[in-house]
Each structure stands twice: as C-alpha cells, then as structure tokens.
Protein backbone atom coordinates (compact mmCIF):
# COMPACT_ATOMS: atom_id res chain seq x y z
CA MET A 1 -37.16 -7.87 19.07
CA SER A 2 -39.39 -5.28 20.77
CA GLU A 3 -39.56 -1.66 19.67
CA LYS A 4 -37.82 -0.56 22.89
CA SER A 5 -34.95 -2.99 22.33
CA GLU A 6 -34.58 -1.74 18.75
CA ARG A 7 -34.37 1.86 19.96
CA VAL A 8 -31.72 0.91 22.54
CA ALA A 9 -29.72 -1.00 19.93
CA ALA A 10 -29.97 1.91 17.48
CA ASN A 11 -28.88 4.32 20.21
CA TRP A 12 -25.80 2.25 21.04
CA GLN A 13 -25.01 1.77 17.38
CA GLN A 14 -25.10 5.56 16.91
CA ARG A 15 -22.80 6.05 19.90
CA PHE A 16 -20.29 3.54 18.52
CA LEU A 17 -20.50 5.24 15.12
CA GLU A 18 -19.76 8.64 16.66
CA LEU A 19 -16.88 7.16 18.67
CA ARG A 20 -15.40 5.52 15.56
CA ALA A 21 -15.55 8.82 13.66
CA ASN A 22 -14.09 10.81 16.57
CA LYS A 23 -10.71 12.32 15.69
CA ILE A 24 -9.42 11.90 19.24
CA PHE A 25 -10.28 8.20 19.15
CA GLU A 26 -8.48 7.84 15.80
CA THR A 27 -5.43 9.63 17.21
CA VAL A 28 -5.38 7.31 20.23
CA VAL A 29 -5.58 4.24 17.97
CA ILE A 30 -2.71 5.52 15.80
CA SER A 31 -0.66 6.25 18.94
CA ILE A 32 -1.24 2.71 20.23
CA ILE A 33 -0.19 1.28 16.86
CA VAL A 34 3.04 3.29 17.01
CA LEU A 35 3.58 2.15 20.61
CA SER A 36 3.09 -1.45 19.51
CA ALA A 37 5.72 -1.01 16.79
CA LEU A 38 8.17 0.53 19.25
CA MET A 39 7.65 -2.37 21.65
CA VAL A 40 8.45 -4.89 18.92
CA GLY A 41 11.59 -2.93 18.04
CA ALA A 42 12.62 -2.68 21.70
CA LYS A 43 12.56 -6.47 22.06
CA THR A 44 15.33 -6.76 19.48
CA TYR A 45 17.80 -5.11 21.90
CA GLU A 46 19.46 -7.21 24.58
CA GLU A 47 19.42 -4.26 26.99
CA THR A 48 15.61 -4.49 27.24
CA SER A 49 15.64 -8.14 28.39
CA ARG A 50 15.30 -7.03 32.02
CA PHE A 51 12.01 -5.35 31.11
CA ASP A 52 10.50 -8.46 29.51
CA HIS A 53 7.77 -8.70 32.14
CA VAL A 54 6.74 -5.06 31.65
CA LEU A 55 6.82 -5.43 27.87
CA SER A 56 4.68 -8.56 28.08
CA ILE A 57 2.06 -6.73 30.15
CA LEU A 58 2.10 -3.82 27.69
CA ASP A 59 1.78 -6.26 24.79
CA TRP A 60 -1.35 -7.82 26.25
CA ALA A 61 -2.74 -4.36 27.05
CA VAL A 62 -2.19 -3.26 23.44
CA THR A 63 -3.76 -6.49 22.16
CA LEU A 64 -6.78 -5.99 24.42
CA PHE A 65 -7.12 -2.40 23.20
CA PHE A 66 -7.06 -3.57 19.58
CA VAL A 67 -9.75 -6.16 20.31
CA VAL A 68 -11.98 -3.51 21.93
CA GLU A 69 -11.31 -1.10 19.08
CA ILE A 70 -12.21 -3.64 16.40
CA LEU A 71 -15.39 -4.56 18.32
CA ILE A 72 -16.38 -0.88 18.44
CA ARG A 73 -15.93 -0.62 14.69
CA MET A 74 -18.00 -3.77 14.18
CA LEU A 75 -20.81 -2.58 16.44
CA ALA A 76 -20.85 0.78 14.65
CA GLU A 77 -22.11 -0.95 11.50
CA LYS A 78 -25.84 -1.26 10.95
CA ARG A 79 -25.34 -4.88 9.94
CA PHE A 80 -22.50 -7.01 11.28
CA ARG A 81 -21.62 -8.42 7.85
CA ASP A 82 -21.17 -4.92 6.42
CA PHE A 83 -17.93 -4.66 8.38
CA PHE A 84 -16.33 -7.44 6.34
CA ARG A 85 -17.29 -5.91 3.00
CA SER A 86 -14.35 -3.54 3.31
CA GLY A 87 -10.98 -5.04 2.48
CA TRP A 88 -9.25 -2.76 5.02
CA ASN A 89 -11.63 -3.87 7.79
CA LEU A 90 -10.94 -7.51 6.93
CA PHE A 91 -7.20 -6.80 7.00
CA ASP A 92 -7.46 -5.17 10.45
CA PHE A 93 -9.57 -8.06 11.75
CA ILE A 94 -7.01 -10.66 10.63
CA ILE A 95 -4.14 -8.69 12.20
CA VAL A 96 -5.99 -8.32 15.51
CA VAL A 97 -7.05 -11.97 15.64
CA ALA A 98 -3.50 -13.06 14.81
CA SER A 99 -2.23 -10.93 17.70
CA LEU A 100 -4.14 -13.16 20.11
CA ILE A 101 -1.58 -15.94 19.61
CA PRO A 102 0.33 -16.13 22.92
CA VAL A 103 4.04 -15.27 22.82
CA ASP A 104 5.02 -17.36 25.84
CA GLN A 105 4.50 -20.79 24.25
CA GLY A 106 7.74 -22.15 22.78
CA GLU A 107 6.43 -23.40 19.43
CA THR A 108 4.54 -20.23 18.60
CA VAL A 109 7.00 -17.60 19.85
CA LEU A 110 8.52 -16.84 16.44
CA LEU A 111 5.14 -16.82 14.68
CA ALA A 112 3.57 -14.60 17.32
CA ARG A 113 6.44 -12.11 17.19
CA LEU A 114 6.34 -11.97 13.41
CA LEU A 115 2.59 -11.33 13.45
CA ARG A 116 3.06 -8.54 15.98
CA VAL A 117 5.50 -6.87 13.61
CA PHE A 118 2.72 -6.64 11.03
CA ARG A 119 0.53 -4.69 13.46
CA VAL A 120 2.35 -1.56 12.33
CA LEU A 121 0.65 -2.04 8.93
CA ARG A 122 -2.58 -1.00 10.61
CA LEU A 123 -1.33 2.55 10.22
CA VAL A 124 -2.07 2.15 6.52
CA SER A 125 -5.72 1.35 7.19
CA MET A 126 -6.08 4.16 9.73
CA VAL A 127 -4.57 7.01 7.70
CA PRO A 128 -6.51 7.82 4.48
CA GLU A 129 -3.44 9.18 2.68
CA LEU A 130 -1.56 5.94 3.36
CA ARG A 131 -4.54 3.95 2.11
CA MET A 132 -4.42 5.96 -1.11
CA LEU A 133 -0.71 5.17 -1.51
CA MET A 134 -1.29 1.47 -0.85
CA ASN A 135 -4.17 1.34 -3.35
CA ALA A 136 -1.96 3.04 -5.94
CA PHE A 137 0.82 0.55 -5.26
CA LEU A 138 -1.50 -2.46 -5.62
CA LYS A 139 -3.06 -1.11 -8.82
CA ALA A 140 0.36 -0.34 -10.29
CA LEU A 141 1.69 -3.86 -9.62
CA PRO A 142 0.10 -5.55 -12.68
CA ARG A 143 1.62 -3.00 -15.07
CA MET A 144 4.93 -3.07 -13.25
CA THR A 145 4.94 -6.87 -13.60
CA TYR A 146 5.04 -6.57 -17.38
CA VAL A 147 7.89 -4.07 -17.17
CA ALA A 148 9.71 -6.42 -14.79
CA LEU A 149 9.18 -9.32 -17.23
CA PHE A 150 10.61 -7.26 -20.09
CA MET A 151 13.47 -6.27 -17.80
CA PHE A 152 14.13 -9.95 -17.00
CA ILE A 153 14.40 -10.70 -20.74
CA ILE A 154 17.01 -7.94 -21.14
CA PHE A 155 18.90 -9.22 -18.08
CA TYR A 156 18.79 -12.76 -19.51
CA ILE A 157 20.17 -11.69 -22.89
CA TYR A 158 22.93 -9.55 -21.41
CA GLY A 159 23.69 -12.25 -18.83
CA ALA A 160 24.12 -14.89 -21.53
CA VAL A 161 26.33 -12.59 -23.62
CA GLY A 162 28.43 -11.63 -20.58
CA SER A 163 28.86 -15.25 -19.53
CA PHE A 164 29.98 -16.29 -23.02
CA ILE A 165 32.52 -13.45 -23.41
CA PHE A 166 33.79 -12.70 -19.90
CA GLN A 167 33.67 -16.13 -18.22
CA ASP A 168 37.42 -16.75 -18.60
CA ILE A 169 38.30 -13.31 -17.24
CA ASN A 170 36.58 -13.69 -13.85
CA PRO A 171 34.36 -16.74 -13.18
CA PHE A 172 33.29 -15.17 -9.86
CA TYR A 173 31.20 -12.64 -11.82
CA TRP A 174 30.52 -14.47 -15.12
CA ASP A 175 30.72 -18.23 -14.44
CA ASN A 176 27.17 -18.97 -15.66
CA ILE A 177 24.05 -17.09 -16.68
CA SER A 178 22.54 -16.95 -13.16
CA ILE A 179 25.73 -15.52 -11.64
CA ALA A 180 26.06 -13.15 -14.59
CA MET A 181 22.50 -11.88 -14.00
CA LEU A 182 23.35 -11.23 -10.34
CA THR A 183 26.41 -9.31 -11.51
CA LEU A 184 24.22 -7.29 -13.87
CA PHE A 185 21.85 -6.51 -11.00
CA ARG A 186 24.83 -5.19 -9.08
CA ILE A 187 25.81 -3.09 -12.12
CA ALA A 188 22.23 -1.79 -12.44
CA THR A 189 22.41 -0.54 -8.84
CA PHE A 190 25.80 1.14 -9.59
CA GLU A 191 27.52 -0.92 -6.86
CA SER A 192 31.25 -0.70 -7.76
CA TRP A 193 30.37 -1.47 -11.38
CA THR A 194 33.36 0.40 -12.78
CA SER A 195 35.81 -2.08 -11.21
CA ILE A 196 34.05 -4.91 -13.07
CA MET A 197 34.11 -2.93 -16.30
CA TYR A 198 37.81 -2.02 -16.06
CA GLU A 199 38.64 -5.67 -15.39
CA THR A 200 37.05 -6.80 -18.66
CA MET A 201 38.37 -3.75 -20.56
CA ALA A 202 41.90 -4.94 -19.81
CA VAL A 203 41.18 -7.89 -22.12
CA TYR A 204 38.44 -6.44 -24.35
CA PRO A 205 38.93 -2.64 -24.64
CA MET A 206 35.54 -2.15 -26.32
CA SER A 207 33.63 -3.99 -23.59
CA TRP A 208 32.59 -0.63 -22.15
CA LEU A 209 29.87 -0.60 -24.82
CA TYR A 210 28.35 -3.65 -23.13
CA TYR A 211 28.13 -1.93 -19.73
CA VAL A 212 27.07 1.51 -20.94
CA SER A 213 24.28 0.11 -23.14
CA PHE A 214 23.04 -2.13 -20.31
CA ILE A 215 23.03 0.72 -17.78
CA PHE A 216 21.25 2.99 -20.25
CA ILE A 217 18.50 0.41 -20.80
CA SER A 218 18.10 -0.84 -17.23
CA ALA A 219 18.82 2.21 -15.07
CA PHE A 220 17.34 4.93 -17.28
CA ILE A 221 14.64 3.45 -19.50
CA PHE A 222 13.19 0.79 -17.19
CA LEU A 223 13.44 2.96 -14.09
CA ASN A 224 11.59 5.81 -15.80
CA MET A 225 8.97 3.37 -17.07
CA MET A 226 8.37 2.22 -13.48
CA ILE A 227 8.19 5.80 -12.24
CA GLY A 228 5.79 6.73 -15.04
CA ILE A 229 3.43 3.87 -14.15
CA VAL A 230 3.44 4.78 -10.45
CA LEU A 231 2.85 8.48 -11.18
CA GLN A 232 -0.03 7.71 -13.53
CA VAL A 233 -1.75 5.46 -11.01
CA MET A 234 -1.04 7.92 -8.19
CA GLN A 235 -2.67 10.71 -10.18
CA LYS A 236 -5.81 8.61 -10.73
CA GLU A 237 -5.96 7.58 -7.06
CA SER A 238 -5.48 11.16 -5.92
CA ALA A 239 -8.30 12.31 -8.21
CA ALA A 240 -10.54 9.52 -6.91
CA TYR A 241 -9.72 10.47 -3.30
CA ASP A 242 -10.47 14.16 -3.96
CA LEU A 243 -13.71 13.20 -5.69
CA GLU A 244 -14.76 10.97 -2.79
CA HIS A 245 -14.08 13.72 -0.24
CA ASP A 246 -15.34 16.52 -2.51
CA GLN A 247 -12.08 18.46 -2.39
CA GLY A 248 -9.31 19.56 -4.71
CA GLU A 249 -9.56 19.98 -8.46
CA ALA A 250 -11.48 16.73 -8.96
CA GLY A 251 -14.03 17.79 -6.34
CA ASP A 252 -14.44 21.20 -7.98
CA ILE A 253 -14.95 19.63 -11.41
CA HIS A 254 -17.53 17.23 -9.95
CA HIS A 255 -19.34 20.14 -8.29
CA VAL A 256 -19.34 22.11 -11.55
CA ARG A 257 -20.69 19.09 -13.43
CA GLU A 258 -23.50 18.73 -10.90
CA GLN A 259 -24.40 22.40 -11.30
CA VAL A 260 -24.31 22.11 -15.09
CA ASP A 261 -26.57 19.05 -14.94
CA LYS A 262 -29.05 20.95 -12.72
CA VAL A 263 -29.06 23.93 -15.08
CA GLU A 264 -29.53 21.61 -18.06
CA LYS A 265 -32.49 19.93 -16.39
CA GLN A 266 -34.03 23.30 -15.55
CA LEU A 267 -33.60 24.44 -19.16
CA GLN A 268 -35.23 21.25 -20.40
CA GLU A 269 -38.17 21.78 -18.05
CA MET A 270 -38.50 25.42 -19.20
CA HIS A 271 -38.37 24.24 -22.81
CA ARG A 272 -41.16 21.72 -22.20
CA THR A 273 -43.24 24.38 -20.42
CA LEU A 274 -42.80 26.79 -23.33
CA GLU A 275 -43.79 24.08 -25.81
CA LYS A 276 -46.96 23.37 -23.82
CA LEU A 277 -47.83 27.11 -23.71
CA CYS A 278 -47.29 27.42 -27.44
CA GLU A 279 -49.53 24.39 -28.08
CA GLN A 280 -52.27 25.85 -25.85
CA LYS A 281 -52.16 29.23 -27.67
CA SER A 282 -52.28 27.55 -31.04
C-alpha cells in the first residue's frame, strides 16, 4: 500500500472513530434500538395487523441502520480483529447478523421474530451504566449458584418432611417431594401461604413451626445472602468503573496514589543526589 493510500485510510479511520465517539450518534443508535423494541411489541397486537407492510419496511430500515452502525464501529478500529476482542462488540455483531434472517419465510418467522426481540439487549452494550450492571450480574452468578445450591438442599429436606407428614391432608400440595418443593416455593414467595398452613394446623396444631422456620430460612436468610453478594459485586464494579473513567472516590484515590508515587520518586532522586554530593565532598 502506497503512502498516499495509507494517509487516506488513516484519515477515514479517524473520521469513523470520531463518529463512533460522537454523543449525537450514540443517542441516535439508542433511539433506533428503542424504536426496534417498540416495533416488536406493536406486532403482538392484532390492531396493528393492517400496518404490517409499514412495519416490515421499518424493520428492514432498522436492520440496515444496525448493519451500517456496526460497520462504522469496525472501521473505526485500527485493526479489524481488534473489534472482536471486546465481548460487547462480539455480542452486538451476533445480534445484528441474526437480524438479517428474513421474517417473511414461513420456516424462519418464529426464529427471526425471537431474534429481533433480543435487539433491545443492545441497549446494555450502548449504555456504560447498564454494562456495569450486567458485568456485576455475570460476576455475581457463580457465588449466587452456591447459595442456590444450598437453598435447594433446604427445599429438598423441607419438601421430604412435608410430604411425609402432610401428604394425607392434601395430596394436591404434598403428594410427593417434587410437588412439595413447588408448594414450598409458593410459600417462599408468600403466595397465599397462610391458607396452606391453616389447613395443616387443623390436623397438626404445631405445624406452624414448620412454615415459620422455613420462611425464616428461605425468605430472610437466603434472600439477604443473595442481596449481599450482589451489593458486594456491584460495589467492586462501581469502583472499577470510576477508576477507569477517573471519577468518583476510586478515581480520587487513584489520582492521590499517582501523586504520592511521583513525590516518592522525586524524594528518592533527591536522596541519591545528596548521597553523591556527600561522597564528592568526602
């Protein structure tokens, strides 16, 4: 490639980079994503069937815009492969490519419509605060899985006990351990749980201890454990976001640390200089 061609390519790459970073361009992209979501929602109403042709044209226009937008973001990179090093860029690329599946063909109508629903998830990749929330959610999942496993063990134990004791009272709720666990899930969500409790209390007056202890463990302890995990991860993600954008308390602490490191280096240099002067005088 000649030097002139390289300058032209670098010029266009800089223009695409400026366009990608432009706040107006980002706002337009977010608006189109919201419009796409509204179009998908509108198609679920029978009243909009008379506007199917208009909605189809708008759908292809939105898809074309997304293709152009993703190309601009690709061309803004210095190297094409750098675009795919970001997980969010890869996610956007898959969503846009999936949107190219035509809706009009009978066998792919359902798949195409489902994939268009997921286009609203592009809001997460476009808004930094939503990306932070999603990262926190994904990082909290492993810890929450262990809590959920422990919770399943408690459900299993209580389900077995409930099935053994209350099966003859109402098989609809306690016929076997799987049905009993579903009943316990209903109790954990406080969905008319008192009616189930009063039914068993008519036969076993002390059965309220079973329900109260289960609710205390599941609704209070496990729920607060889940909340604690999410808050801890959210705090770390928020600090990382502030540090990356040099803002907030984390940004201030990072700035102070940089200043302290500079002062420490200057003191070390002054100390070396003084040592050299002392050696020369001696």
